[in-house]
Amino acid sequence: MTAELLVRRSALAMAFAGLLVAGAYAQDPTPQQQDVQGDKKDIRQDKQDLAKDRADRNADQRDINKDKR
């Protein structure tokens, strides 16, 4: 093997390895973590909304009972 051929093959191997490494960094697992955090936030908001709806329903029921009397 000549030195030139060896250098070419080494350069191509390094470039290919660089592409593989760049591809590995491009696949970031954080979107899944962000989805989980967003879901937890949505659940907390839904619980708050349900509590407000329950309070409104109870107030409406008291008004209905008061009007019946």
C-alpha atoms as a PDB file:
ATOM      1  CA  MET A   1       0.000   0.000   0.000  1.00  0.00           C
ATOM      2  CA  THR A   2       1.250   3.412  -0.782  1.00  0.00           C
ATOM      3  CA  ALA A   3       1.234   6.182   1.768  1.00  0.00           C
ATOM      4  CA  GLU A   4      -1.229   8.183  -0.314  1.00  0.00           C
ATOM      5  CA  LEU A   5      -3.756   5.326  -0.319  1.00  0.00           C
ATOM      6  CA  LEU A   6      -3.362   4.856   3.416  1.00  0.00           C
ATOM      7  CA  VAL A   7      -3.943   8.572   4.068  1.00  0.00           C
ATOM      8  CA  ARG A   8      -7.039   8.593   1.830  1.00  0.00           C
ATOM      9  CA  ARG A   9      -8.563   5.599   3.565  1.00  0.00           C
ATOM     10  CA  SER A  10      -7.810   7.076   6.986  1.00  0.00           C
ATOM     11  CA  ALA A  11      -9.403  10.377   6.019  1.00  0.00           C
ATOM     12  CA  LEU A  12     -12.513   8.642   4.708  1.00  0.00           C
ATOM     13  CA  ALA A  13     -12.738   6.517   7.842  1.00  0.00           C
ATOM     14  CA  MET A  14     -12.464   9.595  10.060  1.00  0.00           C
ATOM     15  CA  ALA A  15     -15.111  11.434   8.021  1.00  0.00           C
ATOM     16  CA  PHE A  16     -17.475   8.472   8.272  1.00  0.00           C
ATOM     17  CA  ALA A  17     -16.879   8.196  12.018  1.00  0.00           C
ATOM     18  CA  GLY A  18     -17.588  11.916  12.343  1.00  0.00           C
ATOM     19  CA  LEU A  19     -20.895  11.490  10.531  1.00  0.00           C
ATOM     20  CA  LEU A  20     -21.855   8.653  12.847  1.00  0.00           C
ATOM     21  CA  VAL A  21     -21.029  10.725  15.917  1.00  0.00           C
ATOM     22  CA  ALA A  22     -22.959  13.719  14.579  1.00  0.00           C
ATOM     23  CA  GLY A  23     -25.946  11.476  13.924  1.00  0.00           C
ATOM     24  CA  ALA A  24     -25.816  10.146  17.458  1.00  0.00           C
ATOM     25  CA  TYR A  25     -25.859  13.669  18.893  1.00  0.00           C
ATOM     26  CA  ALA A  26     -28.709  14.664  16.605  1.00  0.00           C
ATOM     27  CA  GLN A  27     -31.015  12.112  18.230  1.00  0.00           C
ATOM     28  CA  ASP A  28     -31.747  13.999  21.418  1.00  0.00           C
ATOM     29  CA  PRO A  29     -33.991  12.197  23.957  1.00  0.00           C
ATOM     30  CA  THR A  30     -35.180  15.455  25.522  1.00  0.00           C
ATOM     31  CA  PRO A  31     -38.388  15.803  23.443  1.00  0.00           C
ATOM     32  CA  GLN A  32     -39.815  12.795  25.268  1.00  0.00           C
ATOM     33  CA  GLN A  33     -38.875  14.350  28.601  1.00  0.00           C
ATOM     34  CA  GLN A  34     -40.481  17.603  27.511  1.00  0.00           C
ATOM     35  CA  ASP A  35     -43.653  15.710  26.592  1.00  0.00           C
ATOM     36  CA  VAL A  36     -43.779  14.129  30.057  1.00  0.00           C
ATOM     37  CA  GLN A  37     -43.313  17.511  31.731  1.00  0.00           C
ATOM     38  CA  GLY A  38     -46.007  19.017  29.508  1.00  0.00           C
ATOM     39  CA  ASP A  39     -48.357  16.172  30.360  1.00  0.00           C
ATOM     40  CA  LYS A  40     -47.776  16.674  34.087  1.00  0.00           C
ATOM     41  CA  LYS A  41     -48.504  20.375  33.693  1.00  0.00           C
ATOM     42  CA  ASP A  42     -51.706  19.582  31.776  1.00  0.00           C
ATOM     43  CA  ILE A  43     -52.809  17.149  34.484  1.00  0.00           C
ATOM     44  CA  ARG A  44     -52.272  19.764  37.210  1.00  0.00           C
ATOM     45  CA  GLN A  45     -54.266  22.302  35.191  1.00  0.00           C
ATOM     46  CA  ASP A  46     -57.057  19.784  34.609  1.00  0.00           C
ATOM     47  CA  LYS A  47     -57.250  19.045  38.344  1.00  0.00           C
ATOM     48  CA  GLN A  48     -57.551  22.753  39.080  1.00  0.00           C
ATOM     49  CA  ASP A  49     -60.278  23.113  36.459  1.00  0.00           C
ATOM     50  CA  LEU A  50     -62.182  20.167  37.906  1.00  0.00           C
ATOM     51  CA  ALA A  51     -61.994  21.659  41.398  1.00  0.00           C
ATOM     52  CA  LYS A  52     -63.392  24.957  40.086  1.00  0.00           C
ATOM     53  CA  ASP A  53     -66.151  23.129  38.207  1.00  0.00           C
ATOM     54  CA  ARG A  54     -67.033  21.165  41.345  1.00  0.00           C
ATOM     55  CA  ALA A  55     -67.262  24.386  43.362  1.00  0.00           C
ATOM     56  CA  ASP A  56     -69.489  25.955  40.693  1.00  0.00           C
ATOM     57  CA  ARG A  57     -71.735  22.885  40.628  1.00  0.00           C
ATOM     58  CA  ASN A  58     -72.088  22.949  44.413  1.00  0.00           C
ATOM     59  CA  ALA A  59     -72.924  26.653  44.382  1.00  0.00           C
ATOM     60  CA  ASP A  60     -75.509  26.092  41.652  1.00  0.00           C
ATOM     61  CA  GLN A  61     -77.066  23.249  43.613  1.00  0.00           C
ATOM     62  CA  ARG A  62     -77.301  25.473  46.718  1.00  0.00           C
ATOM     63  CA  ASP A  63     -79.026  28.152  44.624  1.00  0.00           C
ATOM     64  CA  ILE A  64     -81.458  25.604  43.215  1.00  0.00           C
ATOM     65  CA  ASN A  65     -82.301  24.300  46.683  1.00  0.00           C
ATOM     66  CA  LYS A  66     -82.715  27.849  47.947  1.00  0.00           C
ATOM     67  CA  ASP A  67     -85.086  28.695  45.084  1.00  0.00           C
ATOM     68  CA  LYS A  68     -87.157  25.567  45.765  1.00  0.00           C
ATOM     69  CA  ARG A  69     -87.729  26.687  49.337  1.00  0.00           C
END
